[in-house]
Amino acid sequence: MSTKVIENLYYAKSDEWLKVEDDLGTVGISDYAQDQLGDIVYLEKVEKGKKIKPGEALTTIESVKAVSDVCAPVSGEVVEVNEKLLDDTSVVNKDPYGKGWIAKIKIENKDELKNLMNAQEYSEYRKE
């Protein structure tokens, strides 16, 4: 089974995606990541107002197979959290690039985007 990679997003080697609109970045986990994790059963609530740096844990996600950190792809402040995931974590499995987004970050330094991969680079990186 091949996993989806969406164009016009940035990807981290730790399998998070970032959609950038002005200085706002929406963060989620890639289709590859949700596929590897299996059924997601718990997502630790992300703290609104939390200041983060690239690679720092934004939250913890738990599946039937493993517990993993969801890391911040860029530095900034968490300005919005997808509260719906607290009630129904399966949305991350069903729609990782849409309704399964995890948090929105006010991006502090857009230069950090250079450290992320585009869709093609991420697809190459995740080729099995």
N, C-alpha and C. Protein backbone atom coordinates (compact mmCIF):
# COMPACT_ATOMS: atom_id res chain seq x y z
N MET A 1 0.84 -1.19 0.00
CA MET A 1 0.00 0.00 0.00
C MET A 1 0.89 1.25 0.00
N SER A 2 0.58 2.17 -0.86
CA SER A 2 1.40 3.38 -0.89
C SER A 2 0.67 4.50 -0.17
N THR A 3 1.43 5.34 0.49
CA THR A 3 0.83 6.42 1.27
C THR A 3 0.82 7.71 0.47
N LYS A 4 -0.12 8.58 0.81
CA LYS A 4 -0.30 9.85 0.11
C LYS A 4 0.69 10.90 0.60
N VAL A 5 1.18 11.68 -0.35
CA VAL A 5 1.98 12.85 -0.03
C VAL A 5 1.32 14.01 -0.78
N ILE A 6 1.03 15.07 -0.08
CA ILE A 6 0.31 16.21 -0.66
C ILE A 6 1.31 17.29 -1.09
N GLU A 7 1.09 17.81 -2.30
CA GLU A 7 1.91 18.92 -2.81
C GLU A 7 1.64 20.18 -2.00
N ASN A 8 2.53 21.14 -2.10
CA ASN A 8 2.39 22.45 -1.45
C ASN A 8 2.43 22.41 0.07
N LEU A 9 2.97 21.33 0.63
CA LEU A 9 3.19 21.24 2.07
C LEU A 9 4.68 21.06 2.30
N TYR A 10 5.14 21.39 3.48
CA TYR A 10 6.51 21.12 3.89
C TYR A 10 6.49 19.89 4.77
N TYR A 11 7.57 19.09 4.70
CA TYR A 11 7.64 17.86 5.48
C TYR A 11 8.94 17.81 6.29
N ALA A 12 8.82 17.27 7.51
CA ALA A 12 10.00 17.07 8.37
C ALA A 12 10.40 15.60 8.29
N LYS A 13 11.67 15.31 8.54
CA LYS A 13 12.14 13.92 8.53
C LYS A 13 11.45 13.09 9.60
N SER A 14 10.90 13.77 10.61
CA SER A 14 10.18 13.07 11.68
C SER A 14 8.69 12.85 11.32
N ASP A 15 8.35 13.08 10.04
CA ASP A 15 7.03 12.77 9.47
C ASP A 15 5.88 13.70 9.83
N GLU A 16 6.20 14.94 10.19
CA GLU A 16 5.16 15.95 10.34
C GLU A 16 5.06 16.73 9.03
N TRP A 17 3.88 17.27 8.77
CA TRP A 17 3.71 18.17 7.62
C TRP A 17 3.36 19.55 8.14
N LEU A 18 3.63 20.54 7.30
CA LEU A 18 3.37 21.93 7.66
C LEU A 18 2.77 22.62 6.44
N LYS A 19 1.59 23.22 6.65
CA LYS A 19 0.96 24.03 5.60
C LYS A 19 1.13 25.48 6.01
N VAL A 20 1.74 26.28 5.15
CA VAL A 20 2.03 27.67 5.50
C VAL A 20 1.07 28.61 4.78
N GLU A 21 0.41 29.47 5.57
CA GLU A 21 -0.45 30.53 5.04
C GLU A 21 -0.04 31.81 5.76
N ASP A 22 0.61 32.72 5.04
CA ASP A 22 1.19 33.93 5.61
C ASP A 22 2.18 33.53 6.71
N ASP A 23 1.93 33.94 7.97
CA ASP A 23 2.87 33.55 9.03
C ASP A 23 2.26 32.49 9.95
N LEU A 24 1.25 31.79 9.43
CA LEU A 24 0.58 30.74 10.20
C LEU A 24 0.91 29.38 9.60
N GLY A 25 1.33 28.46 10.43
CA GLY A 25 1.65 27.10 9.97
C GLY A 25 0.74 26.09 10.63
N THR A 26 0.05 25.29 9.82
CA THR A 26 -0.79 24.21 10.33
C THR A 26 0.05 22.94 10.34
N VAL A 27 0.05 22.22 11.46
CA VAL A 27 0.89 21.04 11.64
C VAL A 27 0.03 19.79 11.80
N GLY A 28 0.48 18.72 11.16
CA GLY A 28 -0.15 17.41 11.33
C GLY A 28 0.89 16.34 11.09
N ILE A 29 0.46 15.08 11.14
CA ILE A 29 1.40 14.00 10.81
C ILE A 29 1.06 13.47 9.42
N SER A 30 2.09 12.99 8.74
CA SER A 30 1.90 12.53 7.36
C SER A 30 1.09 11.24 7.30
N ASP A 31 0.61 10.94 6.13
CA ASP A 31 -0.12 9.70 5.88
C ASP A 31 0.80 8.51 6.20
N TYR A 32 2.07 8.64 5.85
CA TYR A 32 3.05 7.59 6.16
C TYR A 32 3.10 7.35 7.67
N ALA A 33 3.17 8.43 8.45
CA ALA A 33 3.26 8.31 9.91
C ALA A 33 2.02 7.65 10.50
N GLN A 34 0.83 8.07 10.07
CA GLN A 34 -0.39 7.47 10.62
C GLN A 34 -0.49 6.01 10.21
N ASP A 35 -0.01 5.68 9.00
CA ASP A 35 -0.01 4.29 8.52
C ASP A 35 0.92 3.42 9.36
N GLN A 36 2.10 3.95 9.69
CA GLN A 36 3.07 3.23 10.51
C GLN A 36 2.57 3.04 11.94
N LEU A 37 1.90 4.06 12.46
CA LEU A 37 1.39 3.99 13.83
C LEU A 37 0.24 3.01 13.99
N GLY A 38 -0.59 2.92 12.97
CA GLY A 38 -1.80 2.10 13.09
C GLY A 38 -2.89 2.94 13.75
N ASP A 39 -3.87 2.26 14.34
CA ASP A 39 -5.02 2.97 14.93
C ASP A 39 -4.58 3.87 16.07
N ILE A 40 -4.84 5.16 15.91
CA ILE A 40 -4.47 6.14 16.93
C ILE A 40 -5.57 6.18 17.99
N VAL A 41 -5.15 6.00 19.25
CA VAL A 41 -6.12 5.90 20.34
C VAL A 41 -6.09 7.09 21.30
N TYR A 42 -5.01 7.88 21.27
CA TYR A 42 -4.91 8.99 22.22
C TYR A 42 -3.99 10.06 21.68
N LEU A 43 -4.35 11.31 21.92
CA LEU A 43 -3.51 12.44 21.56
C LEU A 43 -3.48 13.37 22.76
N GLU A 44 -2.28 13.62 23.26
CA GLU A 44 -2.13 14.54 24.39
C GLU A 44 -2.53 15.94 23.93
N LYS A 45 -3.29 16.65 24.78
CA LYS A 45 -3.75 17.99 24.41
C LYS A 45 -2.56 18.92 24.22
N VAL A 46 -2.56 19.64 23.11
CA VAL A 46 -1.51 20.61 22.82
C VAL A 46 -1.82 21.88 23.61
N GLU A 47 -0.79 22.44 24.20
CA GLU A 47 -0.95 23.64 25.01
C GLU A 47 -0.97 24.89 24.13
N LYS A 48 -2.09 25.60 24.14
CA LYS A 48 -2.20 26.86 23.40
C LYS A 48 -1.30 27.89 24.08
N GLY A 49 -0.57 28.67 23.29
CA GLY A 49 0.35 29.65 23.84
C GLY A 49 1.75 29.11 24.07
N LYS A 50 1.91 27.78 23.89
CA LYS A 50 3.21 27.15 24.07
C LYS A 50 4.19 27.65 23.02
N LYS A 51 5.39 28.02 23.45
CA LYS A 51 6.46 28.44 22.52
C LYS A 51 7.32 27.20 22.24
N ILE A 52 7.60 26.96 20.96
CA ILE A 52 8.35 25.77 20.58
C ILE A 52 9.43 26.08 19.56
N LYS A 53 10.37 25.17 19.49
CA LYS A 53 11.47 25.26 18.52
C LYS A 53 11.42 24.02 17.65
N PRO A 54 12.03 24.07 16.45
CA PRO A 54 12.02 22.91 15.56
C PRO A 54 12.56 21.67 16.26
N GLY A 55 11.85 20.56 16.10
CA GLY A 55 12.28 19.30 16.67
C GLY A 55 11.81 19.06 18.09
N GLU A 56 11.28 20.09 18.74
CA GLU A 56 10.75 19.91 20.09
C GLU A 56 9.38 19.24 20.02
N ALA A 57 9.06 18.46 21.05
CA ALA A 57 7.77 17.77 21.08
C ALA A 57 6.63 18.77 21.25
N LEU A 58 5.72 18.71 20.31
CA LEU A 58 4.52 19.54 20.33
C LEU A 58 3.47 18.83 21.19
N THR A 59 3.40 17.52 21.00
CA THR A 59 2.46 16.67 21.72
C THR A 59 2.92 15.22 21.61
N THR A 60 2.18 14.34 22.26
CA THR A 60 2.44 12.90 22.17
C THR A 60 1.21 12.25 21.57
N ILE A 61 1.47 11.31 20.67
CA ILE A 61 0.37 10.59 20.03
C ILE A 61 0.56 9.11 20.36
N GLU A 62 -0.56 8.45 20.67
CA GLU A 62 -0.49 7.06 21.09
C GLU A 62 -1.35 6.22 20.16
N SER A 63 -0.77 5.11 19.72
CA SER A 63 -1.54 4.20 18.86
C SER A 63 -1.52 2.82 19.52
N VAL A 64 -2.18 1.87 18.86
CA VAL A 64 -2.18 0.51 19.40
C VAL A 64 -0.78 -0.09 19.34
N LYS A 65 0.10 0.47 18.50
CA LYS A 65 1.47 -0.05 18.34
C LYS A 65 2.52 0.68 19.16
N ALA A 66 2.38 2.01 19.30
CA ALA A 66 3.48 2.79 19.88
C ALA A 66 3.02 4.14 20.41
N VAL A 67 3.90 4.76 21.18
CA VAL A 67 3.72 6.14 21.62
C VAL A 67 4.81 6.95 20.94
N SER A 68 4.45 8.04 20.29
CA SER A 68 5.42 8.85 19.56
C SER A 68 5.21 10.33 19.86
N ASP A 69 6.31 11.07 19.75
CA ASP A 69 6.20 12.52 19.84
C ASP A 69 5.82 13.07 18.48
N VAL A 70 5.01 14.10 18.47
CA VAL A 70 4.76 14.89 17.28
C VAL A 70 5.60 16.14 17.50
N CYS A 71 6.58 16.35 16.62
CA CYS A 71 7.54 17.45 16.80
C CYS A 71 7.17 18.67 15.98
N ALA A 72 7.60 19.81 16.46
CA ALA A 72 7.36 21.07 15.75
C ALA A 72 8.32 21.17 14.57
N PRO A 73 7.80 21.42 13.36
CA PRO A 73 8.67 21.57 12.20
C PRO A 73 9.37 22.94 12.15
N VAL A 74 8.79 23.94 12.82
CA VAL A 74 9.34 25.30 12.86
C VAL A 74 9.16 25.87 14.26
N SER A 75 9.85 26.97 14.54
CA SER A 75 9.67 27.60 15.84
C SER A 75 8.54 28.61 15.78
N GLY A 76 7.92 28.81 16.94
CA GLY A 76 6.83 29.76 17.01
C GLY A 76 5.97 29.52 18.23
N GLU A 77 4.76 30.05 18.17
CA GLU A 77 3.83 29.93 19.29
C GLU A 77 2.56 29.23 18.82
N VAL A 78 2.08 28.28 19.60
CA VAL A 78 0.84 27.57 19.29
C VAL A 78 -0.31 28.55 19.48
N VAL A 79 -1.05 28.82 18.40
CA VAL A 79 -2.15 29.78 18.48
C VAL A 79 -3.52 29.12 18.36
N GLU A 80 -3.55 27.88 17.88
CA GLU A 80 -4.82 27.17 17.75
C GLU A 80 -4.57 25.68 17.87
N VAL A 81 -5.53 24.98 18.47
CA VAL A 81 -5.41 23.55 18.70
C VAL A 81 -6.67 22.87 18.16
N ASN A 82 -6.50 21.71 17.52
CA ASN A 82 -7.65 20.98 17.00
C ASN A 82 -8.28 20.17 18.12
N GLU A 83 -9.20 20.79 18.85
CA GLU A 83 -9.85 20.18 20.02
C GLU A 83 -10.66 18.93 19.65
N LYS A 84 -11.14 18.87 18.40
CA LYS A 84 -11.96 17.72 17.98
C LYS A 84 -11.22 16.40 18.10
N LEU A 85 -9.88 16.47 17.97
CA LEU A 85 -9.09 15.23 18.04
C LEU A 85 -9.10 14.61 19.43
N LEU A 86 -9.36 15.41 20.45
CA LEU A 86 -9.40 14.88 21.81
C LEU A 86 -10.56 13.91 21.99
N ASP A 87 -11.65 14.15 21.24
CA ASP A 87 -12.83 13.27 21.32
C ASP A 87 -12.76 12.13 20.32
N ASP A 88 -12.13 12.37 19.17
CA ASP A 88 -12.09 11.35 18.11
C ASP A 88 -10.73 11.36 17.41
N THR A 89 -9.79 10.60 17.97
CA THR A 89 -8.44 10.55 17.41
C THR A 89 -8.38 9.81 16.07
N SER A 90 -9.41 9.03 15.75
CA SER A 90 -9.41 8.27 14.50
C SER A 90 -9.39 9.19 13.27
N VAL A 91 -9.75 10.47 13.47
CA VAL A 91 -9.73 11.44 12.37
C VAL A 91 -8.32 11.56 11.80
N VAL A 92 -7.30 11.43 12.65
CA VAL A 92 -5.91 11.52 12.19
C VAL A 92 -5.63 10.38 11.21
N ASN A 93 -6.17 9.18 11.48
CA ASN A 93 -5.99 8.05 10.56
C ASN A 93 -6.78 8.24 9.27
N LYS A 94 -7.99 8.75 9.40
CA LYS A 94 -8.87 8.88 8.22
C LYS A 94 -8.50 10.04 7.31
N ASP A 95 -8.07 11.16 7.90
CA ASP A 95 -7.84 12.38 7.12
C ASP A 95 -6.64 13.16 7.68
N PRO A 96 -5.41 12.57 7.57
CA PRO A 96 -4.25 13.19 8.20
C PRO A 96 -3.91 14.58 7.66
N TYR A 97 -4.26 14.87 6.41
CA TYR A 97 -3.92 16.17 5.81
C TYR A 97 -5.07 17.17 5.87
N GLY A 98 -6.21 16.74 6.35
CA GLY A 98 -7.38 17.62 6.40
C GLY A 98 -7.84 17.83 7.83
N LYS A 99 -8.94 17.16 8.18
CA LYS A 99 -9.54 17.33 9.51
C LYS A 99 -8.63 16.80 10.63
N GLY A 100 -7.60 16.04 10.28
CA GLY A 100 -6.69 15.48 11.28
C GLY A 100 -5.53 16.37 11.66
N TRP A 101 -5.57 17.65 11.28
CA TRP A 101 -4.49 18.57 11.68
C TRP A 101 -4.45 18.65 13.20
N ILE A 102 -3.27 18.95 13.75
CA ILE A 102 -3.08 18.92 15.19
C ILE A 102 -3.04 20.31 15.82
N ALA A 103 -2.26 21.22 15.26
CA ALA A 103 -2.14 22.56 15.85
C ALA A 103 -1.75 23.57 14.78
N LYS A 104 -1.96 24.84 15.11
CA LYS A 104 -1.53 25.93 14.24
C LYS A 104 -0.52 26.77 15.02
N ILE A 105 0.57 27.09 14.33
CA ILE A 105 1.68 27.80 14.95
C ILE A 105 1.89 29.14 14.24
N LYS A 106 2.05 30.20 15.03
CA LYS A 106 2.47 31.48 14.45
C LYS A 106 3.97 31.35 14.23
N ILE A 107 4.39 31.29 12.96
CA ILE A 107 5.78 31.02 12.60
C ILE A 107 6.67 32.21 12.97
N GLU A 108 7.72 31.91 13.71
CA GLU A 108 8.65 32.94 14.18
C GLU A 108 9.71 33.27 13.12
N ASN A 109 10.20 32.23 12.42
CA ASN A 109 11.32 32.42 11.50
C ASN A 109 11.10 31.60 10.23
N LYS A 110 10.66 32.27 9.17
CA LYS A 110 10.36 31.55 7.92
C LYS A 110 11.61 30.94 7.27
N ASP A 111 12.80 31.39 7.66
CA ASP A 111 14.04 30.79 7.13
C ASP A 111 14.13 29.31 7.48
N GLU A 112 13.48 28.91 8.56
CA GLU A 112 13.51 27.50 8.98
C GLU A 112 12.82 26.58 7.98
N LEU A 113 11.99 27.13 7.11
CA LEU A 113 11.31 26.33 6.10
C LEU A 113 12.33 25.67 5.16
N LYS A 114 13.51 26.28 5.03
CA LYS A 114 14.56 25.72 4.16
C LYS A 114 15.04 24.36 4.68
N ASN A 115 14.83 24.09 5.97
CA ASN A 115 15.28 22.83 6.57
C ASN A 115 14.27 21.70 6.37
N LEU A 116 13.12 22.02 5.76
CA LEU A 116 12.08 21.02 5.54
C LEU A 116 12.09 20.56 4.09
N MET A 117 11.41 19.45 3.83
CA MET A 117 11.37 18.89 2.47
C MET A 117 10.06 19.26 1.78
N ASN A 118 10.10 19.33 0.45
CA ASN A 118 8.86 19.48 -0.31
C ASN A 118 8.29 18.07 -0.54
N ALA A 119 7.12 17.98 -1.19
CA ALA A 119 6.44 16.70 -1.39
C ALA A 119 7.31 15.69 -2.13
N GLN A 120 7.99 16.14 -3.17
CA GLN A 120 8.82 15.22 -3.95
C GLN A 120 10.00 14.69 -3.13
N GLU A 121 10.65 15.58 -2.40
CA GLU A 121 11.79 15.18 -1.56
C GLU A 121 11.33 14.20 -0.46
N TYR A 122 10.16 14.48 0.12
CA TYR A 122 9.64 13.61 1.17
C TYR A 122 9.28 12.23 0.61
N SER A 123 8.68 12.21 -0.59
CA SER A 123 8.35 10.93 -1.23
C SER A 123 9.61 10.10 -1.46
N GLU A 124 10.67 10.75 -1.94
CA GLU A 124 11.96 10.07 -2.14
C GLU A 124 12.50 9.55 -0.81
N TYR A 125 12.44 10.40 0.21
CA TYR A 125 12.93 10.05 1.56
C TYR A 125 12.19 8.84 2.11
N ARG A 126 10.90 8.73 1.84
CA ARG A 126 10.07 7.65 2.40
C ARG A 126 9.86 6.47 1.45
N LYS A 127 10.57 6.44 0.32
CA LYS A 127 10.44 5.32 -0.61
C LYS A 127 10.83 4.03 0.10
N GLU A 128 10.00 3.01 -0.10
CA GLU A 128 10.28 1.74 0.60
C GLU A 128 10.97 0.75 -0.29
